[in-house]
């Protein structure tokens, strides 16, 4: 017999399938064929793995806790990303080297990474996104969240006033003043969706980020 949570898990899966149909840039794998509570979502949009290194492949792990949707999902980037509002506990070579020294070398650190979840989590990037914290509401769906995450990867969405990664925030402040630098990827994440035709000579329609990302 389904309960409220089961119904929500089922509806989330159907919405994620819809998003995959609407986008060539977003794919996912779920841990269950009917009522998944974990997803690995791949984004094929362009972002930054490091300050000076672009990447067109990004993976996010999404976990739906037992209290979901009363509380937000847990989300971690599994691939490197350079963004003002995303940061891992260990995200530069000097920090990794210091940790390796404390555990007896880089090979020991590698073994711990594969066997110890606490060590592995140090390398997973945490996300500062308002809809996942103070502004969380059960009305927000995984469909919405994935579009927000994709926009963050593309640098269509960022907040330099309250950053997790201060180096990325300083880089972004400079980059946004330079023509053609941001966003890094300006493609529509729902690139398979047919958009209304614009009449010749019609003025451009200005929309907010929230409206652009809404399903």
C-alpha atoms as a PDB file:
ATOM      1  CA  UNK A   1       0.000   0.000   0.000  1.00  0.00           C
ATOM      2  CA  UNK A   2       1.481   3.337  -1.097  1.00  0.00           C
ATOM      3  CA  UNK A   3       1.932   6.155   1.384  1.00  0.00           C
ATOM      4  CA  UNK A   4       2.503   9.847   0.720  1.00  0.00           C
ATOM      5  CA  UNK A   5       6.268   9.396   0.412  1.00  0.00           C
ATOM      6  CA  UNK A   6       5.887   6.543  -2.075  1.00  0.00           C
ATOM      7  CA  UNK A   7       3.544   8.646  -4.176  1.00  0.00           C
ATOM      8  CA  UNK A   8       6.086  11.480  -4.178  1.00  0.00           C
ATOM      9  CA  UNK A   9       8.960   9.157  -5.111  1.00  0.00           C
ATOM     10  CA  UNK A  10       6.919   7.824  -8.013  1.00  0.00           C
ATOM     11  CA  UNK A  11       5.997  11.294  -9.262  1.00  0.00           C
ATOM     12  CA  UNK A  12       9.632  12.433  -8.993  1.00  0.00           C
ATOM     13  CA  UNK A  13      10.730   9.527 -11.182  1.00  0.00           C
ATOM     14  CA  UNK A  14       8.147  10.381 -13.832  1.00  0.00           C
ATOM     15  CA  UNK A  15       9.233  14.040 -13.783  1.00  0.00           C
ATOM     16  CA  UNK A  16      12.884  13.032 -14.162  1.00  0.00           C
ATOM     17  CA  UNK A  17      11.961  10.868 -17.142  1.00  0.00           C
ATOM     18  CA  UNK A  18      10.190  13.883 -18.637  1.00  0.00           C
ATOM     19  CA  UNK A  19      13.280  16.022 -18.104  1.00  0.00           C
ATOM     20  CA  UNK A  20      15.446  13.403 -19.833  1.00  0.00           C
ATOM     21  CA  UNK A  21      13.053  13.475 -22.797  1.00  0.00           C
ATOM     22  CA  UNK A  22      13.193  17.264 -22.928  1.00  0.00           C
ATOM     23  CA  UNK A  23      16.990  17.531 -22.742  1.00  0.00           C
ATOM     24  CA  UNK A  24      19.980  16.119 -24.576  1.00  0.00           C
ATOM     25  CA  UNK A  25      22.185  17.601 -21.836  1.00  0.00           C
ATOM     26  CA  UNK A  26      20.790  15.807 -18.763  1.00  0.00           C
ATOM     27  CA  UNK A  27      20.708  12.048 -18.090  1.00  0.00           C
ATOM     28  CA  UNK A  28      20.129  10.086 -14.905  1.00  0.00           C
ATOM     29  CA  UNK A  29      20.380   6.682 -13.285  1.00  0.00           C
ATOM     30  CA  UNK A  30      18.066   5.744 -10.410  1.00  0.00           C
ATOM     31  CA  UNK A  31      18.594   3.068  -7.750  1.00  0.00           C
ATOM     32  CA  UNK A  32      15.111   1.598  -8.207  1.00  0.00           C
ATOM     33  CA  UNK A  33      12.822   1.112 -11.187  1.00  0.00           C
ATOM     34  CA  UNK A  34       9.653   2.171  -9.343  1.00  0.00           C
ATOM     35  CA  UNK A  35      10.364   4.193  -6.175  1.00  0.00           C
ATOM     36  CA  UNK A  36      13.982   5.409  -6.260  1.00  0.00           C
ATOM     37  CA  UNK A  37      15.434   7.461  -3.426  1.00  0.00           C
ATOM     38  CA  UNK A  38      18.856   7.985  -5.037  1.00  0.00           C
ATOM     39  CA  UNK A  39      19.845   9.393  -8.397  1.00  0.00           C
ATOM     40  CA  UNK A  40      23.089   9.956 -10.242  1.00  0.00           C
ATOM     41  CA  UNK A  41      22.490  12.809 -12.663  1.00  0.00           C
ATOM     42  CA  UNK A  42      24.918  13.552 -15.505  1.00  0.00           C
ATOM     43  CA  UNK A  43      25.101  17.012 -17.074  1.00  0.00           C
ATOM     44  CA  UNK A  44      26.717  17.391 -20.491  1.00  0.00           C
ATOM     45  CA  UNK A  45      26.827  21.188 -20.347  1.00  0.00           C
ATOM     46  CA  UNK A  46      30.039  23.219 -20.148  1.00  0.00           C
ATOM     47  CA  UNK A  47      31.312  24.515 -16.812  1.00  0.00           C
ATOM     48  CA  UNK A  48      34.580  24.819 -14.937  1.00  0.00           C
ATOM     49  CA  UNK A  49      36.321  21.885 -13.261  1.00  0.00           C
ATOM     50  CA  UNK A  50      39.035  24.269 -12.100  1.00  0.00           C
ATOM     51  CA  UNK A  51      39.695  27.962 -12.502  1.00  0.00           C
ATOM     52  CA  UNK A  52      41.476  27.458 -15.819  1.00  0.00           C
ATOM     53  CA  UNK A  53      39.953  24.131 -16.923  1.00  0.00           C
ATOM     54  CA  UNK A  54      36.616  23.710 -18.639  1.00  0.00           C
ATOM     55  CA  UNK A  55      34.635  20.485 -18.412  1.00  0.00           C
ATOM     56  CA  UNK A  56      31.616  19.275 -20.374  1.00  0.00           C
ATOM     57  CA  UNK A  57      30.771  16.381 -18.041  1.00  0.00           C
ATOM     58  CA  UNK A  58      29.476  16.733 -14.477  1.00  0.00           C
ATOM     59  CA  UNK A  59      27.879  14.183 -12.130  1.00  0.00           C
ATOM     60  CA  UNK A  60      25.656  14.908  -9.141  1.00  0.00           C
ATOM     61  CA  UNK A  61      24.454  12.420  -6.517  1.00  0.00           C
ATOM     62  CA  UNK A  62      20.970  13.116  -5.141  1.00  0.00           C
ATOM     63  CA  UNK A  63      19.696  11.328  -2.038  1.00  0.00           C
ATOM     64  CA  UNK A  64      16.107  11.583  -0.826  1.00  0.00           C
ATOM     65  CA  UNK A  65      16.029  11.030   2.957  1.00  0.00           C
ATOM     66  CA  UNK A  66      13.209   9.297   4.778  1.00  0.00           C
ATOM     67  CA  UNK A  67      11.706  12.695   5.721  1.00  0.00           C
ATOM     68  CA  UNK A  68      11.601  13.888   2.103  1.00  0.00           C
ATOM     69  CA  UNK A  69       9.799  16.010   0.931  1.00  0.00           C
ATOM     70  CA  UNK A  70       9.382  17.653   4.341  1.00  0.00           C
ATOM     71  CA  UNK A  71      13.145  18.235   4.273  1.00  0.00           C
ATOM     72  CA  UNK A  72      15.271  18.850   1.161  1.00  0.00           C
ATOM     73  CA  UNK A  73      17.296  16.192  -0.624  1.00  0.00           C
ATOM     74  CA  UNK A  74      20.992  15.676  -0.017  1.00  0.00           C
ATOM     75  CA  UNK A  75      23.037  16.726  -3.052  1.00  0.00           C
ATOM     76  CA  UNK A  76      26.774  16.363  -3.756  1.00  0.00           C
ATOM     77  CA  UNK A  77      28.835  16.957  -6.870  1.00  0.00           C
ATOM     78  CA  UNK A  78      30.892  13.846  -7.590  1.00  0.00           C
ATOM     79  CA  UNK A  79      33.049  15.532 -10.243  1.00  0.00           C
ATOM     80  CA  UNK A  80      35.326  18.571  -9.747  1.00  0.00           C
ATOM     81  CA  UNK A  81      33.650  21.945 -10.178  1.00  0.00           C
ATOM     82  CA  UNK A  82      34.773  25.557  -9.760  1.00  0.00           C
ATOM     83  CA  UNK A  83      31.819  27.751  -8.797  1.00  0.00           C
ATOM     84  CA  UNK A  84      31.165  30.439  -6.152  1.00  0.00           C
ATOM     85  CA  UNK A  85      28.369  28.456  -4.514  1.00  0.00           C
ATOM     86  CA  UNK A  86      29.817  24.927  -4.699  1.00  0.00           C
ATOM     87  CA  UNK A  87      32.829  23.704  -2.746  1.00  0.00           C
ATOM     88  CA  UNK A  88      34.384  20.486  -1.496  1.00  0.00           C
ATOM     89  CA  UNK A  89      36.167  20.261   1.846  1.00  0.00           C
ATOM     90  CA  UNK A  90      39.269  19.252  -0.135  1.00  0.00           C
ATOM     91  CA  UNK A  91      39.408  20.982  -3.487  1.00  0.00           C
ATOM     92  CA  UNK A  92      43.035  21.844  -4.197  1.00  0.00           C
ATOM     93  CA  UNK A  93      46.262  19.870  -4.505  1.00  0.00           C
ATOM     94  CA  UNK A  94      47.891  21.423  -1.432  1.00  0.00           C
ATOM     95  CA  UNK A  95      45.033  20.294   0.830  1.00  0.00           C
ATOM     96  CA  UNK A  96      45.116  16.796  -0.661  1.00  0.00           C
ATOM     97  CA  UNK A  97      48.882  16.608  -0.171  1.00  0.00           C
ATOM     98  CA  UNK A  98      48.586  17.605   3.493  1.00  0.00           C
ATOM     99  CA  UNK A  99      45.923  14.959   4.109  1.00  0.00           C
ATOM    100  CA  UNK A 100      48.023  12.349   2.298  1.00  0.00           C
ATOM    101  CA  UNK A 101      50.952  13.149   4.591  1.00  0.00           C
ATOM    102  CA  UNK A 102      48.803  12.560   7.681  1.00  0.00           C
ATOM    103  CA  UNK A 103      47.665   9.106   6.484  1.00  0.00           C
ATOM    104  CA  UNK A 104      51.037   7.840   5.280  1.00  0.00           C
ATOM    105  CA  UNK A 105      51.103   8.821   1.633  1.00  0.00           C
ATOM    106  CA  UNK A 106      48.956   9.260  -1.455  1.00  0.00           C
ATOM    107  CA  UNK A 107      48.493   5.499  -1.970  1.00  0.00           C
ATOM    108  CA  UNK A 108      47.070   5.100   1.534  1.00  0.00           C
ATOM    109  CA  UNK A 109      44.787   8.063   0.879  1.00  0.00           C
ATOM    110  CA  UNK A 110      43.593   6.376  -2.304  1.00  0.00           C
ATOM    111  CA  UNK A 111      42.739   3.200  -0.401  1.00  0.00           C
ATOM    112  CA  UNK A 112      40.895   5.191   2.252  1.00  0.00           C
ATOM    113  CA  UNK A 113      38.943   7.027  -0.443  1.00  0.00           C
ATOM    114  CA  UNK A 114      37.595   3.745  -1.780  1.00  0.00           C
ATOM    115  CA  UNK A 115      36.911   2.129   1.606  1.00  0.00           C
ATOM    116  CA  UNK A 116      35.978   4.958   3.973  1.00  0.00           C
ATOM    117  CA  UNK A 117      32.791   6.975   3.219  1.00  0.00           C
ATOM    118  CA  UNK A 118      33.901   9.791   5.559  1.00  0.00           C
ATOM    119  CA  UNK A 119      37.093  10.307   3.573  1.00  0.00           C
ATOM    120  CA  UNK A 120      35.232  10.089   0.275  1.00  0.00           C
ATOM    121  CA  UNK A 121      32.775  12.766   1.380  1.00  0.00           C
ATOM    122  CA  UNK A 122      35.662  15.213   1.868  1.00  0.00           C
ATOM    123  CA  UNK A 123      36.090  15.240  -1.911  1.00  0.00           C
ATOM    124  CA  UNK A 124      32.381  15.667  -2.701  1.00  0.00           C
ATOM    125  CA  UNK A 125      31.361  19.260  -3.385  1.00  0.00           C
ATOM    126  CA  UNK A 126      28.611  20.745  -1.214  1.00  0.00           C
ATOM    127  CA  UNK A 127      26.121  23.211  -2.683  1.00  0.00           C
ATOM    128  CA  UNK A 128      24.818  26.520  -1.381  1.00  0.00           C
ATOM    129  CA  UNK A 129      21.425  26.924  -3.049  1.00  0.00           C
ATOM    130  CA  UNK A 130      18.598  28.846  -1.406  1.00  0.00           C
ATOM    131  CA  UNK A 131      15.879  26.381  -2.401  1.00  0.00           C
ATOM    132  CA  UNK A 132      17.799  23.614  -0.584  1.00  0.00           C
ATOM    133  CA  UNK A 133      18.019  25.528   2.696  1.00  0.00           C
ATOM    134  CA  UNK A 134      15.924  28.329   4.164  1.00  0.00           C
ATOM    135  CA  UNK A 135      13.650  28.557   1.136  1.00  0.00           C
ATOM    136  CA  UNK A 136      12.962  24.844   0.885  1.00  0.00           C
ATOM    137  CA  UNK A 137       9.349  23.883   0.252  1.00  0.00           C
ATOM    138  CA  UNK A 138       7.877  20.503  -0.752  1.00  0.00           C
ATOM    139  CA  UNK A 139       6.613  22.216  -3.894  1.00  0.00           C
ATOM    140  CA  UNK A 140      10.196  22.157  -5.227  1.00  0.00           C
ATOM    141  CA  UNK A 141      10.826  19.011  -7.262  1.00  0.00           C
ATOM    142  CA  UNK A 142      13.912  17.190  -8.530  1.00  0.00           C
ATOM    143  CA  UNK A 143      12.978  18.475 -11.982  1.00  0.00           C
ATOM    144  CA  UNK A 144      13.332  22.049 -10.683  1.00  0.00           C
ATOM    145  CA  UNK A 145      16.517  21.279  -8.762  1.00  0.00           C
ATOM    146  CA  UNK A 146      18.250  19.656 -11.737  1.00  0.00           C
ATOM    147  CA  UNK A 147      17.522  22.687 -13.889  1.00  0.00           C
ATOM    148  CA  UNK A 148      18.938  24.930 -11.175  1.00  0.00           C
ATOM    149  CA  UNK A 149      22.071  22.773 -10.890  1.00  0.00           C
ATOM    150  CA  UNK A 150      22.563  22.787 -14.643  1.00  0.00           C
ATOM    151  CA  UNK A 151      22.257  26.572 -14.716  1.00  0.00           C
ATOM    152  CA  UNK A 152      24.875  26.793 -11.968  1.00  0.00           C
ATOM    153  CA  UNK A 153      27.275  24.601 -13.958  1.00  0.00           C
ATOM    154  CA  UNK A 154      26.757  26.829 -16.993  1.00  0.00           C
ATOM    155  CA  UNK A 155      27.336  29.975 -14.911  1.00  0.00           C
ATOM    156  CA  UNK A 156      23.846  31.160 -15.728  1.00  0.00           C
ATOM    157  CA  UNK A 157      23.199  31.137 -11.981  1.00  0.00           C
ATOM    158  CA  UNK A 158      25.599  32.265  -9.244  1.00  0.00           C
ATOM    159  CA  UNK A 159      25.745  34.421  -6.117  1.00  0.00           C
ATOM    160  CA  UNK A 160      29.047  36.175  -5.422  1.00  0.00           C
ATOM    161  CA  UNK A 161      27.722  38.000  -2.347  1.00  0.00           C
ATOM    162  CA  UNK A 162      27.464  34.881  -0.166  1.00  0.00           C
ATOM    163  CA  UNK A 163      29.949  32.369  -1.629  1.00  0.00           C
ATOM    164  CA  UNK A 164      31.226  29.009  -0.441  1.00  0.00           C
ATOM    165  CA  UNK A 165      34.227  29.219  -2.759  1.00  0.00           C
ATOM    166  CA  UNK A 166      35.741  32.680  -2.349  1.00  0.00           C
ATOM    167  CA  UNK A 167      38.341  32.173  -5.075  1.00  0.00           C
ATOM    168  CA  UNK A 168      35.603  31.311  -7.564  1.00  0.00           C
ATOM    169  CA  UNK A 169      33.577  34.323  -6.409  1.00  0.00           C
ATOM    170  CA  UNK A 170      36.501  36.697  -7.062  1.00  0.00           C
ATOM    171  CA  UNK A 171      37.046  35.125 -10.478  1.00  0.00           C
ATOM    172  CA  UNK A 172      33.353  35.510 -11.306  1.00  0.00           C
ATOM    173  CA  UNK A 173      33.287  39.183 -10.300  1.00  0.00           C
ATOM    174  CA  UNK A 174      35.982  39.871 -12.873  1.00  0.00           C
ATOM    175  CA  UNK A 175      34.635  37.498 -15.535  1.00  0.00           C
ATOM    176  CA  UNK A 176      31.149  38.994 -15.555  1.00  0.00           C
ATOM    177  CA  UNK A 177      32.592  42.406 -16.481  1.00  0.00           C
ATOM    178  CA  UNK A 178      34.280  40.981 -19.583  1.00  0.00           C
ATOM    179  CA  UNK A 179      32.194  40.619 -22.748  1.00  0.00           C
ATOM    180  CA  UNK A 180      31.468  37.062 -23.825  1.00  0.00           C
ATOM    181  CA  UNK A 181      32.913  35.270 -20.781  1.00  0.00           C
ATOM    182  CA  UNK A 182      29.702  34.502 -18.864  1.00  0.00           C
ATOM    183  CA  UNK A 183      27.654  32.470 -19.085  1.00  0.00           C
ATOM    184  CA  UNK A 184      30.144  29.763 -19.972  1.00  0.00           C
ATOM    185  CA  UNK A 185      27.385  27.764 -21.657  1.00  0.00           C
ATOM    186  CA  UNK A 186      24.262  29.593 -22.813  1.00  0.00           C
ATOM    187  CA  UNK A 187      22.375  26.596 -24.199  1.00  0.00           C
ATOM    188  CA  UNK A 188      18.834  25.948 -23.021  1.00  0.00           C
ATOM    189  CA  UNK A 189      18.908  22.890 -20.781  1.00  0.00           C
ATOM    190  CA  UNK A 190      15.536  21.800 -22.163  1.00  0.00           C
ATOM    191  CA  UNK A 191      16.842  21.914 -25.709  1.00  0.00           C
ATOM    192  CA  UNK A 192      14.314  19.419 -27.079  1.00  0.00           C
ATOM    193  CA  UNK A 193      11.329  21.552 -26.066  1.00  0.00           C
ATOM    194  CA  UNK A 194       9.693  23.378 -28.967  1.00  0.00           C
ATOM    195  CA  UNK A 195       9.698  27.111 -28.280  1.00  0.00           C
ATOM    196  CA  UNK A 196       7.009  29.493 -29.600  1.00  0.00           C
ATOM    197  CA  UNK A 197       8.015  31.163 -32.850  1.00  0.00           C
ATOM    198  CA  UNK A 198       8.908  34.859 -32.588  1.00  0.00           C
ATOM    199  CA  UNK A 199       7.386  37.134 -35.220  1.00  0.00           C
ATOM    200  CA  UNK A 200       9.915  39.021 -37.354  1.00  0.00           C
ATOM    201  CA  UNK A 201      10.587  42.447 -35.903  1.00  0.00           C
ATOM    202  CA  UNK A 202       9.091  41.601 -32.508  1.00  0.00           C
ATOM    203  CA  UNK A 203      11.026  43.005 -29.516  1.00  0.00           C
ATOM    204  CA  UNK A 204      12.995  40.481 -27.426  1.00  0.00           C
ATOM    205  CA  UNK A 205      11.212  39.035 -24.406  1.00  0.00           C
ATOM    206  CA  UNK A 206      13.079  39.607 -21.148  1.00  0.00           C
ATOM    207  CA  UNK A 207      12.545  36.907 -18.540  1.00  0.00           C
ATOM    208  CA  UNK A 208      14.050  36.274 -15.126  1.00  0.00           C
ATOM    209  CA  UNK A 209      16.230  33.281 -14.272  1.00  0.00           C
ATOM    210  CA  UNK A 210      13.425  31.823 -12.193  1.00  0.00           C
ATOM    211  CA  UNK A 211      11.000  32.042 -15.119  1.00  0.00           C
ATOM    212  CA  UNK A 212      13.552  30.574 -17.519  1.00  0.00           C
ATOM    213  CA  UNK A 213      14.124  27.572 -15.274  1.00  0.00           C
ATOM    214  CA  UNK A 214      10.509  26.909 -14.409  1.00  0.00           C
ATOM    215  CA  UNK A 215       9.012  23.686 -15.823  1.00  0.00           C
END
